[in-house]
Amino acid sequence: MRGPSVNTDQPHKARQAGYVNPANPANRRPPMPLSWNEIKSRALAFSRHWADAGNEDAEAKPFLIAFFEIFGITDKRIASFEHAVKKYGGGAGYVDLFWPGILLVEMKSRGKNLDRAYTQAMDYFPGIAERDLLPGVNYLDRSASIILAGGSEA
């Protein structure tokens, strides 16, 4: 038997009836911040799970989604995968993960040279809209908002 009909256009009446419509902005609450111990616990579980990862094509997206979940961040909230850009020199390229104004991730399979990943990441910057870059950041500095993942330093 179905419960009482609830008009979700009237949030106060819906709540009284025990129904909360998550699509209604009035019902959304910010997520609770994670404790440092929870982040450490999630990071340890992540590192154990991904210890044998090695194939960029098959594992990059699940790896990155799981990485951000360590911090309680969903991929839909912050980033786009395979962000299309025009590379330095005119060719087309795809950034593995792009968080506008914050982060660019370029991944390689285990054993691949990360220097190549760095060069590839640097070639993407001319094709990224100015509004999506951090102001005042020197993108020639290897630590500037770029994560190189997988591969090896070979």
Protein backbone atom coordinates (compact mmCIF):
# COMPACT_ATOMS: atom_id res chain seq x y z
CA MET A 1 0.00 0.00 0.00
CA ARG A 2 1.34 3.45 -0.91
CA GLY A 3 1.87 6.15 1.65
CA PRO A 4 0.10 9.50 1.59
CA SER A 5 0.55 11.69 -1.44
CA VAL A 6 3.00 14.49 -0.75
CA ASN A 7 3.19 17.76 -2.64
CA THR A 8 6.93 18.35 -3.00
CA ASP A 9 6.33 21.93 -4.17
CA GLN A 10 5.65 22.81 -0.55
CA PRO A 11 8.85 21.75 1.30
CA HIS A 12 7.51 22.46 4.80
CA LYS A 13 4.51 20.15 4.27
CA ALA A 14 6.69 17.52 2.60
CA ARG A 15 9.05 17.47 5.59
CA GLN A 16 6.12 17.11 7.97
CA ALA A 17 5.04 14.07 5.96
CA GLY A 18 8.55 12.59 6.28
CA TYR A 19 9.62 13.14 2.68
CA VAL A 20 12.59 15.30 1.73
CA ASN A 21 13.06 15.99 -1.96
CA PRO A 22 16.87 16.13 -2.54
CA ALA A 23 16.37 18.00 -5.82
CA ASN A 24 14.87 20.97 -3.97
CA PRO A 25 17.67 23.47 -3.14
CA ALA A 26 15.96 24.27 0.18
CA ASN A 27 16.66 20.69 1.29
CA ARG A 28 20.36 20.56 0.41
CA ARG A 29 22.91 20.69 3.16
CA PRO A 30 26.65 21.10 2.66
CA PRO A 31 28.54 17.86 3.21
CA MET A 32 30.10 17.36 6.60
CA PRO A 33 33.86 17.93 6.49
CA LEU A 34 35.92 14.79 6.91
CA SER A 35 38.17 14.41 9.91
CA TRP A 36 41.90 14.08 9.36
CA ASN A 37 41.68 10.48 10.65
CA GLU A 38 38.96 9.67 8.08
CA ILE A 39 41.09 11.14 5.28
CA LYS A 40 44.12 9.12 6.43
CA SER A 41 42.02 5.97 6.62
CA ARG A 42 40.60 6.53 3.14
CA ALA A 43 44.07 7.31 1.74
CA LEU A 44 45.49 4.09 3.15
CA ALA A 45 42.63 2.04 1.69
CA PHE A 46 43.09 3.85 -1.64
CA SER A 47 46.83 3.11 -1.76
CA ARG A 48 46.24 -0.57 -0.99
CA HIS A 49 43.52 -0.89 -3.61
CA TRP A 50 45.53 0.85 -6.36
CA ALA A 51 48.98 -0.56 -5.52
CA ASP A 52 49.09 -2.73 -8.63
CA ALA A 53 47.44 -0.29 -11.07
CA GLY A 54 49.35 0.16 -14.26
CA ASN A 55 47.15 0.72 -17.30
CA GLU A 56 46.25 4.35 -17.99
CA ASP A 57 43.57 3.58 -20.58
CA ALA A 58 41.62 1.21 -18.33
CA GLU A 59 42.27 2.69 -14.89
CA ALA A 60 42.77 6.47 -15.12
CA LYS A 61 39.18 7.59 -14.55
CA PRO A 62 38.32 5.13 -11.76
CA PHE A 63 41.68 5.94 -10.13
CA LEU A 64 41.03 9.69 -10.16
CA ILE A 65 37.44 9.34 -8.97
CA ALA A 66 38.65 7.18 -6.06
CA PHE A 67 41.48 9.65 -5.34
CA PHE A 68 39.10 12.60 -4.93
CA GLU A 69 36.75 10.47 -2.81
CA ILE A 70 39.57 10.28 -0.23
CA PHE A 71 38.76 13.93 0.50
CA GLY A 72 35.00 13.61 0.10
CA ILE A 73 35.04 15.35 -3.27
CA THR A 74 32.98 14.01 -6.16
CA ASP A 75 34.40 14.22 -9.66
CA LYS A 76 31.23 15.88 -10.97
CA ARG A 77 31.71 18.71 -8.50
CA ILE A 78 35.15 19.71 -9.62
CA ALA A 79 36.53 18.28 -12.79
CA SER A 80 36.07 17.10 -16.33
CA PHE A 81 37.74 14.11 -17.89
CA GLU A 82 39.34 14.16 -21.34
CA HIS A 83 39.01 17.94 -21.56
CA ALA A 84 39.55 18.88 -25.23
CA VAL A 85 42.22 21.54 -25.90
CA LYS A 86 44.22 22.80 -28.82
CA LYS A 87 47.85 21.87 -28.12
CA TYR A 88 50.90 24.03 -28.59
CA GLY A 89 51.73 23.72 -32.27
CA GLY A 90 48.08 23.39 -33.29
CA GLY A 91 47.19 19.74 -32.76
CA ALA A 92 44.24 18.50 -30.71
CA GLY A 93 44.77 17.10 -27.24
CA TYR A 94 42.81 15.81 -24.27
CA VAL A 95 43.71 16.60 -20.66
CA ASP A 96 43.15 13.48 -18.55
CA LEU A 97 41.50 15.53 -15.80
CA PHE A 98 40.96 19.27 -15.69
CA TRP A 99 39.70 21.28 -12.70
CA PRO A 100 39.45 24.85 -14.04
CA GLY A 101 41.64 27.29 -12.16
CA ILE A 102 43.00 24.59 -9.88
CA LEU A 103 44.48 21.46 -11.41
CA LEU A 104 45.56 19.64 -14.54
CA VAL A 105 46.26 15.90 -14.35
CA GLU A 106 48.15 13.98 -17.03
CA MET A 107 48.55 10.27 -16.47
CA LYS A 108 50.73 7.58 -18.01
CA SER A 109 50.76 3.81 -17.63
CA ARG A 110 53.22 2.24 -15.20
CA GLY A 111 56.72 2.28 -16.62
CA LYS A 112 56.12 5.19 -19.02
CA ASN A 113 58.32 8.25 -18.75
CA LEU A 114 56.73 11.09 -16.73
CA ASP A 115 58.93 13.65 -18.51
CA ARG A 116 56.81 12.96 -21.59
CA ALA A 117 53.65 13.47 -19.49
CA TYR A 118 55.01 16.79 -18.25
CA THR A 119 55.77 17.97 -21.80
CA GLN A 120 52.32 16.88 -22.88
CA ALA A 121 50.72 18.79 -19.97
CA MET A 122 52.72 21.92 -20.80
CA ASP A 123 51.58 21.70 -24.44
CA TYR A 124 47.96 21.91 -23.23
CA PHE A 125 48.26 25.30 -21.49
CA PRO A 126 48.13 27.47 -24.64
CA GLY A 127 44.78 25.87 -25.49
CA ILE A 128 43.18 26.48 -22.09
CA ALA A 129 41.03 29.60 -21.80
CA GLU A 130 42.63 32.36 -19.73
CA ARG A 131 39.62 32.40 -17.38
CA ASP A 132 40.35 28.75 -16.49
CA LEU A 133 43.95 29.37 -15.41
CA LEU A 134 45.13 30.51 -12.00
CA PRO A 135 46.22 34.14 -12.15
CA GLY A 136 49.88 34.74 -11.37
CA VAL A 137 50.96 31.08 -11.59
CA ASN A 138 54.18 30.25 -13.41
CA TYR A 139 53.16 27.17 -15.38
CA LEU A 140 56.79 26.50 -16.29
CA ASP A 141 57.30 25.54 -12.63
CA ARG A 142 56.78 21.75 -12.35
CA SER A 143 54.84 22.10 -9.09
CA ALA A 144 52.28 24.57 -10.47
CA SER A 145 48.90 22.87 -10.37
CA ILE A 146 50.00 19.86 -12.42
CA ILE A 147 49.81 16.27 -11.21
CA LEU A 148 51.66 13.63 -13.16
CA ALA A 149 50.46 10.18 -12.22
CA GLY A 150 51.59 6.64 -12.97
CA GLY A 151 54.65 6.11 -15.11
CA SER A 152 58.15 6.33 -13.70
CA GLU A 153 60.76 9.02 -13.46
CA ALA A 154 63.04 7.04 -15.80
